[in-house]
Amino acid sequence: MKKWTSTLFPFLLLCLLLTNCVAVSKRKSWMWRKLKSDTTSDPYVGFIEINLLKEVIWIPTPIIMTEVNCSRNYLLDIDFHTETKNEYRKLDSIRYSIITSDNRIVNEGVLPIKNGELSIRSYSPGIYRAQCTTEPSIHLGKQKQALNGTFTIYATDINGQPKAVHVTDVILNYYKPRIMSFF
C-alpha cells in the first residue's frame, strides 16, 4: 500500500507538469466591467474594465505561482478599448470616489495613469487598447463588501485636446481571495 501511494504522488505531479496546469492564488479585488451604455463619453467607448486591487509580484515555484503583496494600499487597473485612435491617444489621469453601500466615502482623489498610451494589438485588429495602472495609493481599510464608485478618466486626443470619460455610480463587485485554482 505504501509503495502505491509513493508512486501516485509523483505520477500526479508529472501529469500536472505535462498538461500545463498551474496553481495560482486569487487576490482580494473589486471589479467593474462596462456593459452597453454605462459611460457618457463622446465618442462612445467600446469597453472599459476597472479593477481595484493590490500590487503584487509573482514568485515562481514548482507547479505553483505564488503572489506576494508589494504594498498595503490599492491601485486602479484599467483596461480601455476604442475603435478609433483619433479620439483617444493617451489616458492621463483618473478621478475616483469609492463609496460604501451606506453612502460613506471611503477614499477619493485624482491619480496619474502609468503607461496610458493607446496602441493596436496584433490579436485584436481594429481595436485600440490601453492596459494601464495607477500608483498604489488608495487606502480602503478592511472592506469585504461590494463598493460603489464614480470615475472620470482624463485623456488626450490626437490633436492634444483634453477629453473625459465619465463612469458614474457603478457597483464594484467584491471578489474574495482564494488559495488556489487550476486552469
N, C-alpha and C. Protein backbone atom coordinates (compact mmCIF):
# COMPACT_ATOMS: atom_id res chain seq x y z
N MET A 1 0.82 -1.20 0.00
CA MET A 1 0.00 0.00 0.00
C MET A 1 0.86 1.26 0.00
N LYS A 2 1.95 1.25 0.79
CA LYS A 2 2.81 2.42 0.88
C LYS A 2 3.51 2.69 -0.45
N LYS A 3 3.91 1.62 -1.17
CA LYS A 3 4.56 1.79 -2.46
C LYS A 3 3.60 2.41 -3.47
N TRP A 4 2.33 2.01 -3.44
CA TRP A 4 1.32 2.54 -4.36
C TRP A 4 1.14 4.04 -4.16
N THR A 5 1.04 4.51 -2.92
CA THR A 5 0.88 5.95 -2.66
C THR A 5 2.14 6.73 -2.97
N SER A 6 3.31 6.10 -2.81
CA SER A 6 4.55 6.82 -3.12
C SER A 6 4.75 6.98 -4.62
N THR A 7 4.13 6.17 -5.45
CA THR A 7 4.23 6.35 -6.90
C THR A 7 3.07 7.19 -7.45
N LEU A 8 1.96 7.22 -6.75
CA LEU A 8 0.82 8.01 -7.21
C LEU A 8 1.11 9.51 -7.17
N PHE A 9 1.71 9.98 -6.10
CA PHE A 9 2.00 11.41 -5.98
C PHE A 9 2.95 11.91 -7.09
N PRO A 10 4.08 11.25 -7.35
CA PRO A 10 4.93 11.70 -8.47
C PRO A 10 4.22 11.62 -9.82
N PHE A 11 3.36 10.60 -9.99
CA PHE A 11 2.61 10.49 -11.25
C PHE A 11 1.67 11.68 -11.44
N LEU A 12 0.93 12.05 -10.39
CA LEU A 12 0.05 13.21 -10.48
C LEU A 12 0.83 14.49 -10.71
N LEU A 13 1.96 14.61 -10.09
CA LEU A 13 2.82 15.77 -10.28
C LEU A 13 3.30 15.86 -11.72
N LEU A 14 3.68 14.75 -12.31
CA LEU A 14 4.10 14.71 -13.70
C LEU A 14 2.95 15.07 -14.64
N CYS A 15 1.76 14.58 -14.34
CA CYS A 15 0.58 14.91 -15.16
C CYS A 15 0.30 16.41 -15.15
N LEU A 16 0.42 17.01 -13.99
CA LEU A 16 0.21 18.46 -13.90
C LEU A 16 1.23 19.22 -14.72
N LEU A 17 2.47 18.79 -14.69
CA LEU A 17 3.52 19.45 -15.47
C LEU A 17 3.31 19.28 -16.97
N LEU A 18 2.90 18.10 -17.38
CA LEU A 18 2.71 17.83 -18.81
C LEU A 18 1.47 18.51 -19.37
N THR A 19 0.45 18.74 -18.57
CA THR A 19 -0.77 19.35 -19.07
C THR A 19 -0.79 20.86 -18.87
N ASN A 20 0.31 21.44 -18.43
CA ASN A 20 0.42 22.88 -18.22
C ASN A 20 -0.56 23.41 -17.19
N CYS A 21 -0.97 22.61 -16.25
CA CYS A 21 -1.82 23.09 -15.17
C CYS A 21 -0.94 23.85 -14.17
N VAL A 22 -1.38 25.01 -13.81
CA VAL A 22 -0.63 25.83 -12.87
C VAL A 22 -1.59 26.28 -11.79
N ALA A 23 -1.17 26.19 -10.57
CA ALA A 23 -2.00 26.65 -9.46
C ALA A 23 -1.61 28.07 -9.11
N VAL A 24 -2.58 28.94 -8.99
CA VAL A 24 -2.31 30.34 -8.63
C VAL A 24 -3.29 30.76 -7.54
N SER A 25 -2.89 31.69 -6.74
CA SER A 25 -3.81 32.22 -5.73
C SER A 25 -4.53 33.43 -6.32
N LYS A 26 -5.76 33.62 -5.93
CA LYS A 26 -6.56 34.76 -6.38
C LYS A 26 -6.62 35.77 -5.25
N ARG A 27 -6.30 37.01 -5.55
CA ARG A 27 -6.27 38.03 -4.51
C ARG A 27 -7.60 38.73 -4.35
N LYS A 28 -7.74 39.43 -3.25
CA LYS A 28 -8.94 40.23 -2.98
C LYS A 28 -8.96 41.40 -3.95
N SER A 29 -10.10 41.64 -4.57
CA SER A 29 -10.19 42.76 -5.52
C SER A 29 -11.65 43.16 -5.70
N TRP A 30 -11.83 44.32 -6.30
CA TRP A 30 -13.14 44.82 -6.69
C TRP A 30 -13.07 45.11 -8.18
N MET A 31 -14.13 44.78 -8.93
CA MET A 31 -14.10 44.96 -10.37
C MET A 31 -15.43 45.50 -10.90
N TRP A 32 -15.30 46.37 -11.90
CA TRP A 32 -16.45 46.81 -12.68
C TRP A 32 -16.08 46.67 -14.14
N ARG A 33 -17.01 46.13 -14.93
CA ARG A 33 -16.81 45.99 -16.37
C ARG A 33 -17.96 46.68 -17.08
N LYS A 34 -17.63 47.51 -18.05
CA LYS A 34 -18.62 48.29 -18.78
C LYS A 34 -19.54 47.38 -19.58
N LEU A 35 -20.83 47.63 -19.44
CA LEU A 35 -21.81 46.97 -20.28
C LEU A 35 -22.15 47.91 -21.43
N LYS A 36 -23.28 47.79 -22.05
CA LYS A 36 -23.57 48.53 -23.28
C LYS A 36 -23.55 50.04 -23.13
N SER A 37 -24.21 50.60 -22.12
CA SER A 37 -24.34 52.06 -22.08
C SER A 37 -24.01 52.64 -20.71
N ASP A 38 -22.94 52.15 -20.10
CA ASP A 38 -22.59 52.62 -18.76
C ASP A 38 -21.73 53.87 -18.75
N THR A 39 -21.32 54.38 -19.90
CA THR A 39 -20.50 55.59 -19.92
C THR A 39 -21.22 56.68 -20.69
N THR A 40 -20.90 57.90 -20.37
CA THR A 40 -21.47 59.05 -21.08
C THR A 40 -20.34 59.78 -21.78
N SER A 41 -19.56 59.05 -22.56
CA SER A 41 -18.43 59.65 -23.26
C SER A 41 -18.83 59.99 -24.69
N ASP A 42 -18.19 60.98 -25.24
CA ASP A 42 -18.39 61.35 -26.62
C ASP A 42 -17.01 61.44 -27.26
N PRO A 43 -16.64 60.53 -28.14
CA PRO A 43 -17.43 59.46 -28.71
C PRO A 43 -17.55 58.26 -27.78
N TYR A 44 -18.34 57.31 -28.22
CA TYR A 44 -18.64 56.10 -27.45
C TYR A 44 -17.37 55.27 -27.24
N VAL A 45 -17.20 54.72 -26.05
CA VAL A 45 -16.08 53.83 -25.74
C VAL A 45 -16.61 52.42 -25.72
N GLY A 46 -15.97 51.51 -26.46
CA GLY A 46 -16.46 50.16 -26.61
C GLY A 46 -16.36 49.30 -25.37
N PHE A 47 -15.30 49.44 -24.59
CA PHE A 47 -15.11 48.55 -23.45
C PHE A 47 -14.22 49.25 -22.42
N ILE A 48 -14.62 49.17 -21.16
CA ILE A 48 -13.79 49.65 -20.05
C ILE A 48 -13.92 48.64 -18.92
N GLU A 49 -12.79 48.30 -18.32
CA GLU A 49 -12.80 47.48 -17.11
C GLU A 49 -11.92 48.18 -16.09
N ILE A 50 -12.43 48.35 -14.88
CA ILE A 50 -11.68 48.98 -13.80
C ILE A 50 -11.60 47.99 -12.64
N ASN A 51 -10.38 47.66 -12.23
CA ASN A 51 -10.13 46.76 -11.11
C ASN A 51 -9.47 47.54 -9.99
N LEU A 52 -9.88 47.30 -8.79
CA LEU A 52 -9.29 47.89 -7.60
C LEU A 52 -8.61 46.75 -6.85
N LEU A 53 -7.27 46.73 -6.86
CA LEU A 53 -6.53 45.61 -6.29
C LEU A 53 -5.16 46.04 -5.79
N LYS A 54 -4.50 45.15 -5.10
CA LYS A 54 -3.16 45.43 -4.59
C LYS A 54 -2.11 45.03 -5.63
N GLU A 55 -1.01 45.76 -5.62
CA GLU A 55 0.10 45.43 -6.49
C GLU A 55 0.81 44.20 -5.93
N VAL A 56 1.10 43.24 -6.81
CA VAL A 56 1.75 42.01 -6.37
C VAL A 56 2.92 41.69 -7.28
N ILE A 57 3.80 40.84 -6.78
CA ILE A 57 4.83 40.24 -7.62
C ILE A 57 4.60 38.73 -7.58
N TRP A 58 4.95 38.07 -8.68
CA TRP A 58 4.77 36.62 -8.78
C TRP A 58 6.08 35.93 -8.48
N ILE A 59 6.04 34.94 -7.63
CA ILE A 59 7.21 34.15 -7.30
C ILE A 59 7.01 32.76 -7.89
N PRO A 60 7.82 32.40 -8.89
CA PRO A 60 7.65 31.06 -9.48
C PRO A 60 8.23 29.99 -8.57
N THR A 61 7.43 29.01 -8.30
CA THR A 61 7.85 27.82 -7.56
C THR A 61 7.37 26.62 -8.37
N PRO A 62 7.88 25.46 -8.15
CA PRO A 62 7.43 24.31 -8.96
C PRO A 62 5.91 24.13 -8.88
N ILE A 63 5.28 24.09 -10.02
CA ILE A 63 3.84 23.91 -10.22
C ILE A 63 3.04 25.12 -9.76
N ILE A 64 3.42 25.77 -8.70
CA ILE A 64 2.60 26.84 -8.13
C ILE A 64 3.25 28.20 -8.35
N MET A 65 2.47 29.15 -8.85
CA MET A 65 2.90 30.55 -8.92
C MET A 65 2.29 31.24 -7.72
N THR A 66 3.10 31.79 -6.88
CA THR A 66 2.62 32.42 -5.65
C THR A 66 2.73 33.93 -5.81
N GLU A 67 1.70 34.64 -5.41
CA GLU A 67 1.75 36.10 -5.48
C GLU A 67 1.93 36.68 -4.09
N VAL A 68 2.75 37.72 -4.03
CA VAL A 68 3.08 38.38 -2.77
C VAL A 68 2.75 39.86 -2.91
N ASN A 69 2.02 40.43 -1.95
CA ASN A 69 1.66 41.85 -2.00
C ASN A 69 2.90 42.72 -1.91
N CYS A 70 2.93 43.77 -2.74
CA CYS A 70 4.04 44.72 -2.73
C CYS A 70 3.72 45.97 -1.91
N SER A 71 2.45 46.23 -1.65
CA SER A 71 2.08 47.44 -0.92
C SER A 71 0.86 47.17 -0.07
N ARG A 72 0.61 48.07 0.87
CA ARG A 72 -0.59 47.94 1.71
C ARG A 72 -1.80 48.59 1.06
N ASN A 73 -1.58 49.51 0.15
CA ASN A 73 -2.67 50.24 -0.50
C ASN A 73 -3.06 49.59 -1.82
N TYR A 74 -4.17 50.05 -2.36
CA TYR A 74 -4.71 49.52 -3.61
C TYR A 74 -4.41 50.45 -4.77
N LEU A 75 -4.44 49.88 -5.97
CA LEU A 75 -4.27 50.66 -7.19
C LEU A 75 -5.46 50.41 -8.10
N LEU A 76 -5.61 51.25 -9.12
CA LEU A 76 -6.64 51.06 -10.14
C LEU A 76 -5.97 50.47 -11.36
N ASP A 77 -6.49 49.35 -11.83
CA ASP A 77 -6.01 48.69 -13.04
C ASP A 77 -7.09 48.92 -14.09
N ILE A 78 -6.73 49.55 -15.21
CA ILE A 78 -7.71 49.99 -16.21
C ILE A 78 -7.43 49.31 -17.54
N ASP A 79 -8.47 48.74 -18.14
CA ASP A 79 -8.41 48.17 -19.48
C ASP A 79 -9.41 48.96 -20.31
N PHE A 80 -8.93 49.66 -21.37
CA PHE A 80 -9.72 50.64 -22.11
C PHE A 80 -9.61 50.33 -23.59
N HIS A 81 -10.75 50.11 -24.29
CA HIS A 81 -10.76 49.81 -25.72
C HIS A 81 -11.57 50.86 -26.47
N THR A 82 -11.10 51.24 -27.64
CA THR A 82 -11.87 52.10 -28.54
C THR A 82 -11.54 51.69 -29.97
N GLU A 83 -12.42 52.04 -30.90
CA GLU A 83 -12.21 51.63 -32.28
C GLU A 83 -11.51 52.69 -33.11
N THR A 84 -11.35 53.91 -32.60
CA THR A 84 -10.67 54.95 -33.35
C THR A 84 -9.58 55.59 -32.50
N LYS A 85 -8.36 55.62 -33.03
CA LYS A 85 -7.24 56.21 -32.29
C LYS A 85 -7.33 57.73 -32.27
N ASN A 86 -8.01 58.32 -33.25
CA ASN A 86 -8.10 59.78 -33.33
C ASN A 86 -8.80 60.38 -32.12
N GLU A 87 -9.65 59.63 -31.49
CA GLU A 87 -10.42 60.18 -30.38
C GLU A 87 -9.65 60.16 -29.06
N TYR A 88 -8.90 59.10 -28.81
CA TYR A 88 -8.13 58.99 -27.57
C TYR A 88 -6.72 58.53 -27.93
N ARG A 89 -5.73 59.34 -27.64
CA ARG A 89 -4.33 58.96 -27.88
C ARG A 89 -3.69 58.42 -26.62
N LYS A 90 -4.03 59.05 -25.48
CA LYS A 90 -3.37 58.69 -24.23
C LYS A 90 -4.32 58.95 -23.06
N LEU A 91 -4.32 58.05 -22.09
CA LEU A 91 -5.06 58.25 -20.84
C LEU A 91 -4.10 58.90 -19.85
N ASP A 92 -4.48 60.05 -19.30
CA ASP A 92 -3.58 60.84 -18.47
C ASP A 92 -3.75 60.60 -16.97
N SER A 93 -4.98 60.72 -16.49
CA SER A 93 -5.23 60.57 -15.05
C SER A 93 -6.67 60.11 -14.84
N ILE A 94 -6.96 59.76 -13.60
CA ILE A 94 -8.30 59.30 -13.26
C ILE A 94 -8.72 59.91 -11.93
N ARG A 95 -9.92 60.47 -11.92
CA ARG A 95 -10.54 60.95 -10.68
C ARG A 95 -11.45 59.83 -10.19
N TYR A 96 -11.35 59.52 -8.92
CA TYR A 96 -12.13 58.41 -8.38
C TYR A 96 -12.78 58.80 -7.06
N SER A 97 -13.89 58.17 -6.78
CA SER A 97 -14.56 58.28 -5.49
C SER A 97 -15.12 56.90 -5.17
N ILE A 98 -14.63 56.32 -4.06
CA ILE A 98 -15.06 54.99 -3.63
C ILE A 98 -15.99 55.16 -2.44
N ILE A 99 -17.20 54.57 -2.54
CA ILE A 99 -18.25 54.78 -1.55
C ILE A 99 -18.79 53.43 -1.10
N THR A 100 -19.11 53.28 0.17
CA THR A 100 -19.73 52.05 0.67
C THR A 100 -21.21 52.05 0.31
N SER A 101 -21.87 50.94 0.56
CA SER A 101 -23.30 50.82 0.23
C SER A 101 -24.17 51.75 1.08
N ASP A 102 -23.68 52.18 2.24
CA ASP A 102 -24.44 53.13 3.07
C ASP A 102 -24.03 54.59 2.80
N ASN A 103 -23.47 54.85 1.62
CA ASN A 103 -23.10 56.19 1.13
C ASN A 103 -22.03 56.89 1.96
N ARG A 104 -21.13 56.13 2.53
CA ARG A 104 -19.99 56.69 3.25
C ARG A 104 -18.77 56.66 2.32
N ILE A 105 -18.12 57.81 2.13
CA ILE A 105 -16.96 57.88 1.25
C ILE A 105 -15.77 57.21 1.94
N VAL A 106 -15.19 56.23 1.27
CA VAL A 106 -14.04 55.51 1.79
C VAL A 106 -12.75 56.22 1.37
N ASN A 107 -12.66 56.62 0.10
CA ASN A 107 -11.48 57.28 -0.43
C ASN A 107 -11.85 57.98 -1.73
N GLU A 108 -11.21 59.12 -1.99
CA GLU A 108 -11.41 59.82 -3.24
C GLU A 108 -10.17 60.62 -3.56
N GLY A 109 -9.99 60.97 -4.82
CA GLY A 109 -8.83 61.73 -5.23
C GLY A 109 -8.60 61.62 -6.73
N VAL A 110 -7.43 62.10 -7.17
CA VAL A 110 -7.02 62.03 -8.57
C VAL A 110 -5.64 61.38 -8.60
N LEU A 111 -5.48 60.40 -9.49
CA LEU A 111 -4.20 59.70 -9.63
C LEU A 111 -3.74 59.74 -11.08
N PRO A 112 -2.43 59.94 -11.31
CA PRO A 112 -1.91 59.85 -12.68
C PRO A 112 -1.92 58.40 -13.15
N ILE A 113 -2.11 58.21 -14.44
CA ILE A 113 -2.13 56.88 -15.04
C ILE A 113 -0.76 56.58 -15.64
N LYS A 114 -0.23 55.39 -15.33
CA LYS A 114 1.05 54.95 -15.87
C LYS A 114 0.81 54.13 -17.14
N ASN A 115 1.60 54.37 -18.18
CA ASN A 115 1.54 53.62 -19.44
C ASN A 115 0.16 53.67 -20.08
N GLY A 116 -0.40 54.87 -20.23
CA GLY A 116 -1.75 55.03 -20.73
C GLY A 116 -1.88 55.23 -22.22
N GLU A 117 -0.82 55.01 -23.00
CA GLU A 117 -0.89 55.20 -24.45
C GLU A 117 -1.73 54.10 -25.10
N LEU A 118 -2.59 54.48 -26.04
CA LEU A 118 -3.40 53.51 -26.76
C LEU A 118 -2.60 52.98 -27.94
N SER A 119 -2.67 51.68 -28.16
CA SER A 119 -1.99 51.06 -29.29
C SER A 119 -2.85 49.93 -29.82
N ILE A 120 -2.59 49.58 -31.07
CA ILE A 120 -3.34 48.48 -31.67
C ILE A 120 -2.58 47.19 -31.38
N ARG A 121 -3.29 46.14 -31.09
CA ARG A 121 -2.67 44.85 -30.75
C ARG A 121 -2.83 43.90 -31.93
N SER A 122 -1.86 43.04 -32.12
CA SER A 122 -1.91 42.09 -33.24
C SER A 122 -3.07 41.12 -33.11
N TYR A 123 -3.46 40.80 -31.89
CA TYR A 123 -4.54 39.83 -31.69
C TYR A 123 -5.92 40.47 -31.72
N SER A 124 -6.01 41.80 -31.83
CA SER A 124 -7.31 42.47 -31.93
C SER A 124 -7.23 43.60 -32.95
N PRO A 125 -7.15 43.26 -34.25
CA PRO A 125 -7.04 44.31 -35.27
C PRO A 125 -8.26 45.22 -35.28
N GLY A 126 -8.03 46.51 -35.45
CA GLY A 126 -9.11 47.47 -35.48
C GLY A 126 -9.52 48.02 -34.13
N ILE A 127 -8.93 47.51 -33.06
CA ILE A 127 -9.26 47.98 -31.71
C ILE A 127 -8.01 48.60 -31.11
N TYR A 128 -8.14 49.82 -30.62
CA TYR A 128 -7.05 50.47 -29.90
C TYR A 128 -7.26 50.23 -28.41
N ARG A 129 -6.18 49.90 -27.73
CA ARG A 129 -6.32 49.45 -26.34
C ARG A 129 -5.22 50.04 -25.47
N ALA A 130 -5.60 50.37 -24.25
CA ALA A 130 -4.64 50.78 -23.23
C ALA A 130 -4.88 49.91 -22.01
N GLN A 131 -3.84 49.23 -21.56
CA GLN A 131 -3.88 48.49 -20.30
C GLN A 131 -2.92 49.22 -19.38
N CYS A 132 -3.44 49.85 -18.35
CA CYS A 132 -2.63 50.74 -17.54
C CYS A 132 -3.04 50.67 -16.08
N THR A 133 -2.21 51.25 -15.22
CA THR A 133 -2.46 51.25 -13.79
C THR A 133 -2.14 52.62 -13.21
N THR A 134 -2.47 52.77 -11.93
CA THR A 134 -2.08 53.95 -11.17
C THR A 134 -1.10 53.51 -10.09
N GLU A 135 -0.59 54.46 -9.34
CA GLU A 135 0.24 54.13 -8.19
C GLU A 135 -0.63 53.51 -7.10
N PRO A 136 -0.10 52.60 -6.30
CA PRO A 136 -0.90 52.02 -5.21
C PRO A 136 -1.01 52.99 -4.04
N SER A 137 -2.01 53.86 -4.08
CA SER A 137 -2.15 54.86 -3.01
C SER A 137 -3.58 55.01 -2.52
N ILE A 138 -4.44 54.04 -2.79
CA ILE A 138 -5.83 54.08 -2.34
C ILE A 138 -5.95 53.21 -1.08
N HIS A 139 -6.27 53.84 0.03
CA HIS A 139 -6.41 53.11 1.30
C HIS A 139 -7.90 52.80 1.53
N LEU A 140 -8.22 51.53 1.72
CA LEU A 140 -9.62 51.12 1.89
C LEU A 140 -9.95 50.61 3.28
N GLY A 141 -8.96 50.32 4.08
CA GLY A 141 -9.26 49.72 5.38
C GLY A 141 -9.60 48.26 5.20
N LYS A 142 -10.49 47.73 6.01
CA LYS A 142 -10.85 46.31 5.98
C LYS A 142 -12.22 46.11 5.33
N GLN A 143 -12.33 46.48 4.08
CA GLN A 143 -13.58 46.32 3.35
C GLN A 143 -13.71 44.89 2.84
N LYS A 144 -14.89 44.31 3.00
CA LYS A 144 -15.19 42.98 2.47
C LYS A 144 -16.59 42.96 1.91
N GLN A 145 -16.92 43.98 1.14
CA GLN A 145 -18.27 44.13 0.60
C GLN A 145 -18.17 44.78 -0.77
N ALA A 146 -19.25 44.75 -1.51
CA ALA A 146 -19.30 45.47 -2.77
C ALA A 146 -19.24 46.96 -2.47
N LEU A 147 -18.54 47.70 -3.31
CA LEU A 147 -18.39 49.14 -3.14
C LEU A 147 -18.98 49.83 -4.36
N ASN A 148 -19.35 51.09 -4.21
CA ASN A 148 -19.80 51.90 -5.33
C ASN A 148 -18.65 52.81 -5.73
N GLY A 149 -18.60 53.17 -7.01
CA GLY A 149 -17.54 54.03 -7.48
C GLY A 149 -18.01 54.99 -8.54
N THR A 150 -17.39 56.15 -8.57
CA THR A 150 -17.58 57.13 -9.63
C THR A 150 -16.20 57.50 -10.14
N PHE A 151 -16.01 57.42 -11.46
CA PHE A 151 -14.70 57.64 -12.06
C PHE A 151 -14.81 58.62 -13.23
N THR A 152 -13.79 59.43 -13.40
CA THR A 152 -13.63 60.25 -14.60
C THR A 152 -12.22 60.01 -15.11
N ILE A 153 -12.12 59.45 -16.31
CA ILE A 153 -10.82 59.21 -16.93
C ILE A 153 -10.51 60.39 -17.83
N TYR A 154 -9.41 61.08 -17.53
CA TYR A 154 -8.98 62.22 -18.33
C TYR A 154 -8.00 61.73 -19.38
N ALA A 155 -8.27 62.07 -20.64
CA ALA A 155 -7.47 61.60 -21.77
C ALA A 155 -7.06 62.77 -22.65
N THR A 156 -6.17 62.48 -23.59
CA THR A 156 -5.74 63.44 -24.60
C THR A 156 -6.02 62.84 -25.95
N ASP A 157 -6.58 63.64 -26.89
CA ASP A 157 -6.83 63.11 -28.22
C ASP A 157 -5.60 63.32 -29.10
N ILE A 158 -5.70 62.94 -30.36
CA ILE A 158 -4.58 63.00 -31.29
C ILE A 158 -4.10 64.44 -31.54
N ASN A 159 -4.98 65.43 -31.35
CA ASN A 159 -4.63 66.83 -31.54
C ASN A 159 -4.18 67.52 -30.25
N GLY A 160 -4.04 66.76 -29.19
CA GLY A 160 -3.61 67.33 -27.91
C GLY A 160 -4.72 67.97 -27.10
N GLN A 161 -5.96 67.78 -27.50
CA GLN A 161 -7.10 68.34 -26.79
C GLN A 161 -7.54 67.41 -25.67
N PRO A 162 -7.98 67.95 -24.55
CA PRO A 162 -8.42 67.09 -23.44
C PRO A 162 -9.79 66.46 -23.73
N LYS A 163 -9.94 65.24 -23.27
CA LYS A 163 -11.21 64.50 -23.36
C LYS A 163 -11.47 63.90 -21.99
N ALA A 164 -12.72 63.61 -21.72
CA ALA A 164 -13.07 62.98 -20.44
C ALA A 164 -14.08 61.86 -20.68
N VAL A 165 -13.89 60.76 -19.97
CA VAL A 165 -14.82 59.63 -20.00
C VAL A 165 -15.38 59.51 -18.58
N HIS A 166 -16.69 59.65 -18.46
CA HIS A 166 -17.35 59.63 -17.15
C HIS A 166 -17.99 58.27 -16.91
N VAL A 167 -17.68 57.70 -15.78
CA VAL A 167 -18.28 56.45 -15.33
C VAL A 167 -18.89 56.77 -13.97
N THR A 168 -20.21 56.87 -13.93
CA THR A 168 -20.85 57.37 -12.72
C THR A 168 -21.65 56.28 -12.00
N ASP A 169 -21.52 56.27 -10.69
CA ASP A 169 -22.30 55.45 -9.78
C ASP A 169 -22.41 53.99 -10.24
N VAL A 170 -21.25 53.32 -10.28
CA VAL A 170 -21.23 51.91 -10.68
C VAL A 170 -20.92 51.05 -9.45
N ILE A 171 -21.30 49.79 -9.52
CA ILE A 171 -21.05 48.86 -8.42
C ILE A 171 -19.76 48.11 -8.72
N LEU A 172 -18.81 48.19 -7.79
CA LEU A 172 -17.57 47.43 -7.87
C LEU A 172 -17.80 46.12 -7.13
N ASN A 173 -17.88 45.03 -7.87
CA ASN A 173 -18.14 43.72 -7.27
C ASN A 173 -16.92 43.22 -6.52
N TYR A 174 -17.15 42.68 -5.34
CA TYR A 174 -16.08 42.19 -4.47
C TYR A 174 -15.78 40.73 -4.78
N TYR A 175 -14.48 40.43 -4.93
CA TYR A 175 -14.04 39.06 -5.15
C TYR A 175 -13.17 38.64 -3.98
N LYS A 176 -13.59 37.60 -3.29
CA LYS A 176 -12.85 37.10 -2.13
C LYS A 176 -11.59 36.39 -2.60
N PRO A 177 -10.54 36.45 -1.78
CA PRO A 177 -9.33 35.72 -2.16
C PRO A 177 -9.52 34.22 -2.05
N ARG A 178 -8.88 33.49 -2.95
CA ARG A 178 -8.90 32.04 -2.91
C ARG A 178 -7.46 31.54 -2.82
N ILE A 179 -7.28 30.43 -2.19
CA ILE A 179 -5.93 29.88 -2.02
C ILE A 179 -5.37 29.42 -3.37
N MET A 180 -6.11 28.58 -4.08
CA MET A 180 -5.60 28.06 -5.35
C MET A 180 -6.74 27.83 -6.33
N SER A 181 -6.42 27.90 -7.59
CA SER A 181 -7.35 27.47 -8.63
C SER A 181 -6.53 26.88 -9.76
N PHE A 182 -7.08 25.94 -10.46
CA PHE A 182 -6.37 25.28 -11.56
C PHE A 182 -6.99 25.70 -12.88
N PHE A 183 -6.12 25.91 -13.86
CA PHE A 183 -6.61 26.22 -15.21
C PHE A 183 -5.71 25.58 -16.25
